[in-house]
């Protein structure tokens, strides 16, 4: 059952809204919702704060959580036999984990925190619940995350960063 966030917690999502609005990058998240839709979406997500150097997820992990980046930066790299190869840096106003979220496949790369981050996580279970209760919001989230996948696949700079 979805429990609404207290008003103070729902307002916390304003930082994410601002980051998305101001991101003009190659892989910006194009998620446009009304204030009440943002409040609803926030009640399905969990805020996550991570310090520089922490690992968000490792290549091969089977978790399908989708993350929205409010602040900070994340380093995406593929682990080959010779070591790590940096692929991309993901910043505020974008998403990470979209590949596994859609494909149900293991993570294709490792994501590590470059600078202290605040993220919002959306688990597959909470997304399914959102889809049943507020399908119009879930569709907007899916389309926005799908646009990140498409942008990354069309960009040689970000192509391998679909995680």
Protein backbone atom coordinates (compact mmCIF):
# COMPACT_ATOMS: atom_id res chain seq x y z
CA UNK A 1 0.00 0.00 0.00
CA UNK A 2 1.30 3.44 -0.89
CA UNK A 3 1.80 5.67 2.12
CA UNK A 4 2.06 9.36 1.20
CA UNK A 5 5.20 11.12 2.30
CA UNK A 6 4.88 13.74 5.02
CA UNK A 7 4.67 17.24 3.53
CA UNK A 8 8.29 18.01 4.46
CA UNK A 9 9.53 14.86 2.66
CA UNK A 10 7.41 15.55 -0.42
CA UNK A 11 9.02 18.99 -0.66
CA UNK A 12 12.46 17.37 -0.68
CA UNK A 13 11.88 16.31 -4.28
CA UNK A 14 12.11 19.98 -5.33
CA UNK A 15 15.89 19.59 -5.66
CA UNK A 16 15.36 16.78 -8.19
CA UNK A 17 12.79 18.84 -10.09
CA UNK A 18 15.25 21.74 -10.28
CA UNK A 19 18.09 19.46 -11.43
CA UNK A 20 15.95 17.97 -14.21
CA UNK A 21 14.70 21.41 -15.27
CA UNK A 22 18.21 22.86 -15.50
CA UNK A 23 19.97 19.89 -17.12
CA UNK A 24 20.80 20.69 -20.74
CA UNK A 25 23.21 17.75 -21.11
CA UNK A 26 23.31 15.07 -23.76
CA UNK A 27 21.45 12.58 -21.56
CA UNK A 28 19.06 14.86 -19.72
CA UNK A 29 15.95 13.34 -18.19
CA UNK A 30 12.91 14.86 -19.85
CA UNK A 31 10.38 14.29 -17.08
CA UNK A 32 7.73 16.99 -16.97
CA UNK A 33 5.09 16.56 -14.29
CA UNK A 34 2.69 18.86 -12.46
CA UNK A 35 3.47 19.67 -8.80
CA UNK A 36 0.81 17.21 -7.62
CA UNK A 37 2.20 14.49 -9.92
CA UNK A 38 5.69 15.10 -8.53
CA UNK A 39 4.32 14.77 -5.01
CA UNK A 40 2.70 11.47 -5.98
CA UNK A 41 5.87 10.18 -7.65
CA UNK A 42 7.96 11.21 -4.64
CA UNK A 43 5.81 8.98 -2.44
CA UNK A 44 6.92 5.97 -4.52
CA UNK A 45 10.64 6.78 -4.42
CA UNK A 46 13.32 6.70 -1.73
CA UNK A 47 15.97 9.41 -1.35
CA UNK A 48 19.53 8.04 -1.23
CA UNK A 49 22.61 10.00 -0.17
CA UNK A 50 26.03 8.62 -1.08
CA UNK A 51 29.60 9.81 -0.48
CA UNK A 52 32.33 10.05 -3.09
CA UNK A 53 33.91 6.67 -3.78
CA UNK A 54 30.89 4.57 -2.82
CA UNK A 55 29.59 2.06 -5.35
CA UNK A 56 25.95 2.37 -6.41
CA UNK A 57 25.94 -0.97 -8.20
CA UNK A 58 28.40 -3.38 -9.75
CA UNK A 59 28.48 -4.79 -13.25
CA UNK A 60 26.58 -8.09 -13.29
CA UNK A 61 24.25 -7.19 -10.40
CA UNK A 62 20.65 -8.25 -10.96
CA UNK A 63 18.94 -5.39 -9.12
CA UNK A 64 16.65 -3.42 -11.47
CA UNK A 65 16.26 -0.20 -9.48
CA UNK A 66 16.12 3.02 -11.49
CA UNK A 67 17.87 6.06 -10.00
CA UNK A 68 17.27 9.74 -10.66
CA UNK A 69 20.25 12.00 -9.95
CA UNK A 70 19.44 15.13 -7.96
CA UNK A 71 23.00 16.25 -7.24
CA UNK A 72 26.60 15.11 -7.56
CA UNK A 73 28.15 12.93 -10.22
CA UNK A 74 28.49 9.24 -10.95
CA UNK A 75 31.22 7.46 -12.88
CA UNK A 76 30.12 4.63 -15.15
CA UNK A 77 32.70 2.07 -16.19
CA UNK A 78 32.89 -1.35 -17.72
CA UNK A 79 35.16 -3.90 -16.09
CA UNK A 80 37.25 -5.81 -18.60
CA UNK A 81 40.07 -8.30 -18.00
CA UNK A 82 42.64 -5.48 -17.81
CA UNK A 83 40.75 -3.35 -15.29
CA UNK A 84 38.29 -0.50 -15.32
CA UNK A 85 37.60 1.64 -18.33
CA UNK A 86 35.72 4.87 -17.68
CA UNK A 87 32.80 5.25 -20.02
CA UNK A 88 30.89 8.29 -18.87
CA UNK A 89 30.08 10.66 -16.08
CA UNK A 90 26.43 11.06 -15.18
CA UNK A 91 25.35 14.28 -13.51
CA UNK A 92 22.37 15.91 -11.87
CA UNK A 93 19.14 15.85 -13.82
CA UNK A 94 19.71 12.48 -15.44
CA UNK A 95 19.06 8.85 -14.59
CA UNK A 96 21.12 5.73 -14.09
CA UNK A 97 20.13 2.08 -14.00
CA UNK A 98 17.72 2.45 -16.91
CA UNK A 99 19.16 -0.49 -18.88
CA UNK A 100 18.51 -3.07 -16.18
CA UNK A 101 15.20 -1.45 -15.30
CA UNK A 102 13.86 -2.05 -18.81
CA UNK A 103 15.76 -5.18 -19.88
CA UNK A 104 15.53 -7.38 -16.76
CA UNK A 105 19.16 -8.23 -17.51
CA UNK A 106 22.19 -7.90 -15.19
CA UNK A 107 23.82 -4.50 -14.93
CA UNK A 108 26.07 -3.83 -17.93
CA UNK A 109 28.49 -1.55 -16.09
CA UNK A 110 29.63 -0.50 -12.63
CA UNK A 111 28.46 2.84 -11.27
CA UNK A 112 30.53 4.58 -8.62
CA UNK A 113 29.95 7.93 -6.94
CA UNK A 114 32.34 10.57 -8.29
CA UNK A 115 31.22 13.39 -6.02
CA UNK A 116 28.74 13.23 -3.16
CA UNK A 117 25.31 12.42 -4.59
CA UNK A 118 21.70 12.65 -3.72
CA UNK A 119 19.65 10.18 -5.73
CA UNK A 120 16.05 9.09 -5.80
CA UNK A 121 15.51 5.34 -6.22
CA UNK A 122 12.49 3.74 -7.84
CA UNK A 123 12.33 -0.02 -7.38
CA UNK A 124 10.55 -2.23 -9.92
CA UNK A 125 7.99 -3.18 -7.27
CA UNK A 126 7.17 0.46 -6.50
CA UNK A 127 7.05 1.25 -10.24
CA UNK A 128 4.56 -1.61 -10.75
CA UNK A 129 2.45 -0.22 -7.93
CA UNK A 130 2.64 3.26 -9.47
CA UNK A 131 1.62 1.76 -12.83
CA UNK A 132 -1.52 0.28 -11.32
CA UNK A 133 -2.52 3.30 -9.26
CA UNK A 134 -1.32 6.23 -11.38
CA UNK A 135 -0.67 4.90 -14.89
CA UNK A 136 -0.34 8.38 -16.40
CA UNK A 137 2.59 9.18 -14.10
CA UNK A 138 4.18 5.76 -14.64
CA UNK A 139 3.96 6.28 -18.39
CA UNK A 140 5.70 9.64 -18.11
CA UNK A 141 8.48 8.07 -15.99
CA UNK A 142 8.91 5.19 -18.45
CA UNK A 143 9.02 7.54 -21.44
CA UNK A 144 11.56 9.81 -19.74
CA UNK A 145 13.80 6.88 -18.78
CA UNK A 146 13.39 5.47 -22.29
CA UNK A 147 14.50 8.80 -23.75
CA UNK A 148 17.70 8.57 -21.67
CA UNK A 149 18.35 5.10 -23.13
CA UNK A 150 17.75 6.39 -26.67
CA UNK A 151 19.95 9.46 -26.20
CA UNK A 152 22.77 7.35 -24.80
CA UNK A 153 22.53 4.81 -27.60
CA UNK A 154 22.70 7.55 -30.25
CA UNK A 155 25.68 9.23 -28.58
CA UNK A 156 29.07 7.59 -29.03
CA UNK A 157 30.15 9.39 -25.84
CA UNK A 158 27.41 7.80 -23.74
CA UNK A 159 26.46 4.66 -25.70
CA UNK A 160 28.09 2.20 -23.31
CA UNK A 161 26.69 4.03 -20.28
CA UNK A 162 23.27 2.39 -20.59
CA UNK A 163 23.33 0.60 -17.25
